[in-house]
N, C-alpha and C. Protein backbone atom coordinates (compact mmCIF):
# COMPACT_ATOMS: atom_id res chain seq x y z
N MET A 1 96.60 93.22 128.11
CA MET A 1 97.41 94.11 127.29
C MET A 1 96.49 95.06 126.53
N SER A 2 96.76 96.33 126.62
CA SER A 2 95.90 97.30 125.93
C SER A 2 96.33 97.44 124.47
N ARG A 3 95.37 97.74 123.65
CA ARG A 3 95.64 97.92 122.22
C ARG A 3 96.16 99.34 121.99
N PRO A 4 96.99 99.51 120.97
CA PRO A 4 97.52 100.85 120.73
C PRO A 4 96.44 101.82 120.27
N ARG A 5 96.66 103.08 120.57
CA ARG A 5 95.82 104.15 120.05
C ARG A 5 96.74 105.01 119.19
N TYR A 6 96.16 105.66 118.22
CA TYR A 6 96.96 106.43 117.27
C TYR A 6 96.51 107.88 117.22
N GLU A 7 97.47 108.73 116.85
CA GLU A 7 97.15 110.12 116.56
C GLU A 7 97.95 110.52 115.32
N LYS A 8 97.50 111.58 114.70
CA LYS A 8 98.22 112.08 113.53
C LYS A 8 99.53 112.69 114.00
N SER A 9 100.60 112.38 113.29
CA SER A 9 101.89 112.96 113.62
C SER A 9 101.92 114.41 113.12
N GLU A 10 102.95 115.12 113.48
CA GLU A 10 103.09 116.51 113.05
C GLU A 10 103.98 116.58 111.82
N GLY A 11 103.98 117.72 111.17
CA GLY A 11 104.89 117.94 110.05
C GLY A 11 104.32 117.66 108.68
N TRP A 12 103.00 117.57 108.58
CA TRP A 12 102.39 117.36 107.28
C TRP A 12 100.99 117.96 107.26
N THR A 13 100.52 118.22 106.05
CA THR A 13 99.15 118.70 105.86
C THR A 13 98.49 117.87 104.76
N LEU A 14 97.20 117.72 104.90
CA LEU A 14 96.42 116.93 103.95
C LEU A 14 95.53 117.86 103.15
N SER A 15 95.52 117.65 101.85
CA SER A 15 94.69 118.46 100.96
C SER A 15 93.92 117.53 100.02
N PRO A 16 92.61 117.38 100.24
CA PRO A 16 91.81 116.48 99.40
C PRO A 16 91.72 116.97 97.95
N TYR A 17 91.62 116.02 97.03
CA TYR A 17 91.30 116.37 95.66
C TYR A 17 89.91 117.02 95.67
N GLU A 18 89.63 117.81 94.67
CA GLU A 18 88.34 118.49 94.59
C GLU A 18 87.17 117.50 94.62
N ASP A 19 87.34 116.33 93.97
CA ASP A 19 86.25 115.34 93.93
C ASP A 19 86.30 114.36 95.11
N LEU A 20 87.21 114.58 96.05
CA LEU A 20 87.38 113.76 97.26
C LEU A 20 87.76 112.31 96.96
N SER A 21 88.31 112.04 95.78
CA SER A 21 88.68 110.68 95.42
C SER A 21 90.00 110.25 96.05
N ASN A 22 90.87 111.17 96.30
CA ASN A 22 92.19 110.94 96.89
C ASN A 22 92.57 112.20 97.65
N ALA A 23 93.75 112.17 98.25
CA ALA A 23 94.22 113.36 98.96
C ALA A 23 95.73 113.47 98.83
N PHE A 24 96.20 114.69 98.64
CA PHE A 24 97.63 114.97 98.70
C PHE A 24 98.03 115.09 100.16
N VAL A 25 99.22 114.62 100.49
CA VAL A 25 99.82 114.85 101.80
C VAL A 25 101.14 115.54 101.54
N PHE A 26 101.27 116.76 102.05
CA PHE A 26 102.49 117.54 101.87
C PHE A 26 103.34 117.40 103.13
N MET A 27 104.52 116.80 102.99
CA MET A 27 105.44 116.58 104.10
C MET A 27 106.41 117.76 104.18
N ARG A 28 106.68 118.20 105.41
CA ARG A 28 107.62 119.31 105.60
C ARG A 28 109.06 118.84 105.67
N GLU A 29 109.34 117.81 106.46
CA GLU A 29 110.71 117.33 106.65
C GLU A 29 110.76 115.82 106.55
N PRO A 30 111.45 115.26 105.62
CA PRO A 30 112.00 115.92 104.44
C PRO A 30 110.86 116.32 103.51
N PRO A 31 111.08 117.35 102.73
CA PRO A 31 110.01 117.81 101.83
C PRO A 31 109.58 116.69 100.88
N GLY A 32 108.29 116.57 100.72
CA GLY A 32 107.78 115.54 99.82
C GLY A 32 106.27 115.59 99.73
N VAL A 33 105.75 114.82 98.80
CA VAL A 33 104.31 114.73 98.59
C VAL A 33 103.93 113.26 98.48
N LEU A 34 102.89 112.88 99.20
CA LEU A 34 102.30 111.55 99.09
C LEU A 34 100.89 111.70 98.54
N ILE A 35 100.39 110.66 97.95
CA ILE A 35 98.98 110.65 97.54
C ILE A 35 98.31 109.48 98.26
N LEU A 36 97.29 109.80 99.03
CA LEU A 36 96.52 108.77 99.72
C LEU A 36 95.29 108.44 98.89
N ASP A 37 95.07 107.15 98.66
CA ASP A 37 93.82 106.76 98.03
C ASP A 37 92.71 106.86 99.07
N LYS A 38 91.50 106.70 98.62
CA LYS A 38 90.34 106.89 99.51
C LYS A 38 90.37 105.92 100.69
N ALA A 39 90.77 104.67 100.46
CA ALA A 39 90.80 103.67 101.53
C ALA A 39 91.86 104.00 102.58
N SER A 40 93.03 104.45 102.15
CA SER A 40 94.08 104.84 103.09
C SER A 40 93.67 106.07 103.88
N TRP A 41 93.06 107.01 103.21
CA TRP A 41 92.59 108.23 103.85
C TRP A 41 91.53 107.89 104.90
N LEU A 42 90.61 107.00 104.56
CA LEU A 42 89.59 106.57 105.51
C LEU A 42 90.22 105.89 106.72
N ALA A 43 91.20 105.02 106.49
CA ALA A 43 91.89 104.35 107.60
C ALA A 43 92.58 105.37 108.50
N LEU A 44 93.19 106.38 107.92
CA LEU A 44 93.84 107.44 108.70
C LEU A 44 92.84 108.14 109.60
N GLU A 45 91.71 108.51 109.05
CA GLU A 45 90.69 109.23 109.82
C GLU A 45 90.06 108.33 110.89
N MET A 46 89.78 107.09 110.55
CA MET A 46 89.17 106.17 111.52
C MET A 46 90.14 105.85 112.66
N ALA A 47 91.41 105.60 112.33
CA ALA A 47 92.40 105.21 113.34
C ALA A 47 92.67 106.32 114.34
N THR A 48 92.49 107.57 113.93
CA THR A 48 92.76 108.68 114.84
C THR A 48 91.51 109.18 115.55
N ALA A 49 90.35 108.71 115.15
CA ALA A 49 89.10 109.18 115.76
C ALA A 49 88.52 108.19 116.77
N TYR A 50 88.88 106.92 116.66
CA TYR A 50 88.26 105.88 117.48
C TYR A 50 89.31 104.93 118.04
N SER A 51 88.89 104.10 118.99
CA SER A 51 89.77 103.02 119.44
C SER A 51 90.03 102.11 118.25
N LEU A 52 91.08 101.33 118.33
CA LEU A 52 91.48 100.51 117.19
C LEU A 52 90.37 99.54 116.77
N GLU A 53 89.72 98.90 117.73
CA GLU A 53 88.66 97.95 117.39
C GLU A 53 87.46 98.63 116.74
N THR A 54 87.06 99.76 117.29
CA THR A 54 85.94 100.51 116.71
C THR A 54 86.30 101.03 115.33
N ALA A 55 87.52 101.54 115.19
CA ALA A 55 87.98 102.05 113.89
C ALA A 55 87.97 100.95 112.85
N ALA A 56 88.49 99.78 113.20
CA ALA A 56 88.53 98.66 112.26
C ALA A 56 87.13 98.22 111.87
N ASP A 57 86.23 98.16 112.84
CA ASP A 57 84.85 97.76 112.57
C ASP A 57 84.17 98.76 111.63
N ARG A 58 84.33 100.03 111.90
CA ARG A 58 83.72 101.05 111.04
C ARG A 58 84.34 101.04 109.64
N TYR A 59 85.66 100.88 109.58
CA TYR A 59 86.34 100.83 108.29
C TYR A 59 85.80 99.69 107.43
N THR A 60 85.68 98.50 108.02
CA THR A 60 85.21 97.35 107.23
C THR A 60 83.79 97.55 106.73
N LYS A 61 82.96 98.20 107.53
CA LYS A 61 81.58 98.45 107.10
C LYS A 61 81.50 99.51 106.01
N ILE A 62 82.28 100.57 106.13
CA ILE A 62 82.24 101.66 105.15
C ILE A 62 82.96 101.28 103.86
N ALA A 63 84.17 100.74 103.98
CA ALA A 63 85.00 100.44 102.81
C ALA A 63 84.66 99.11 102.16
N GLY A 64 84.00 98.22 102.91
CA GLY A 64 83.69 96.91 102.36
C GLY A 64 84.93 96.06 102.17
N GLN A 65 85.97 96.34 102.93
CA GLN A 65 87.22 95.59 102.87
C GLN A 65 87.43 94.86 104.18
N PRO A 66 88.22 93.78 104.19
CA PRO A 66 88.43 93.02 105.42
C PRO A 66 89.31 93.75 106.43
N ARG A 67 89.30 93.27 107.65
CA ARG A 67 90.10 93.84 108.73
C ARG A 67 91.58 93.88 108.35
N ALA A 68 92.05 92.87 107.64
CA ALA A 68 93.46 92.83 107.24
C ALA A 68 93.83 94.04 106.39
N ALA A 69 92.91 94.52 105.57
CA ALA A 69 93.17 95.71 104.75
C ALA A 69 93.34 96.94 105.63
N PHE A 70 92.49 97.07 106.65
CA PHE A 70 92.62 98.19 107.59
C PHE A 70 93.97 98.12 108.30
N ASP A 71 94.33 96.94 108.80
CA ASP A 71 95.61 96.78 109.50
C ASP A 71 96.79 97.13 108.59
N LYS A 72 96.71 96.74 107.33
CA LYS A 72 97.78 97.06 106.37
C LYS A 72 97.87 98.56 106.15
N HIS A 73 96.73 99.23 106.00
CA HIS A 73 96.75 100.69 105.83
C HIS A 73 97.36 101.37 107.05
N VAL A 74 96.97 100.94 108.24
CA VAL A 74 97.52 101.54 109.47
C VAL A 74 99.03 101.32 109.53
N SER A 75 99.48 100.13 109.20
CA SER A 75 100.91 99.83 109.18
C SER A 75 101.65 100.74 108.20
N ASP A 76 101.09 100.90 107.01
CA ASP A 76 101.69 101.77 105.99
C ASP A 76 101.72 103.23 106.46
N LEU A 77 100.64 103.69 107.08
CA LEU A 77 100.56 105.07 107.56
C LEU A 77 101.60 105.32 108.66
N LEU A 78 101.84 104.32 109.50
CA LEU A 78 102.89 104.44 110.51
C LEU A 78 104.26 104.55 109.85
N LEU A 79 104.53 103.70 108.87
CA LEU A 79 105.82 103.72 108.16
C LEU A 79 106.03 105.03 107.40
N GLN A 80 104.95 105.60 106.88
CA GLN A 80 105.04 106.86 106.14
C GLN A 80 105.17 108.06 107.08
N GLY A 81 105.01 107.84 108.37
CA GLY A 81 105.14 108.92 109.34
C GLY A 81 103.89 109.76 109.52
N LEU A 82 102.75 109.27 109.06
CA LEU A 82 101.51 110.04 109.19
C LEU A 82 100.79 109.75 110.50
N LEU A 83 101.05 108.59 111.07
CA LEU A 83 100.47 108.21 112.36
C LEU A 83 101.58 107.96 113.36
N ARG A 84 101.24 108.12 114.63
CA ARG A 84 102.14 107.70 115.70
C ARG A 84 101.31 107.07 116.80
N VAL A 85 101.95 106.20 117.55
CA VAL A 85 101.29 105.50 118.65
C VAL A 85 101.24 106.42 119.85
N ILE A 86 100.08 106.48 120.49
CA ILE A 86 99.92 107.23 121.73
C ILE A 86 100.27 106.29 122.87
N ALA A 87 101.15 106.73 123.74
CA ALA A 87 101.58 105.89 124.88
C ALA A 87 100.47 105.71 125.88
């Protein structure tokens, strides 16, 4: 069984804070704004740049958080509509 791969969904733009501590996410439909903390933002970038296993490994090394934290961020990003599974 192959592991899922992810890509960024459409309909939103990301705008980092000036100090790169967090990022605004502006949603088009429905209109709204989310704020991603640094760990969620890192999970978003890792999950869309690498295979899931590589992304999780890099995330744990950079963020110093366990794999479960990465999986939780990815799950939240899917629910928020920022990620989608690539078939």
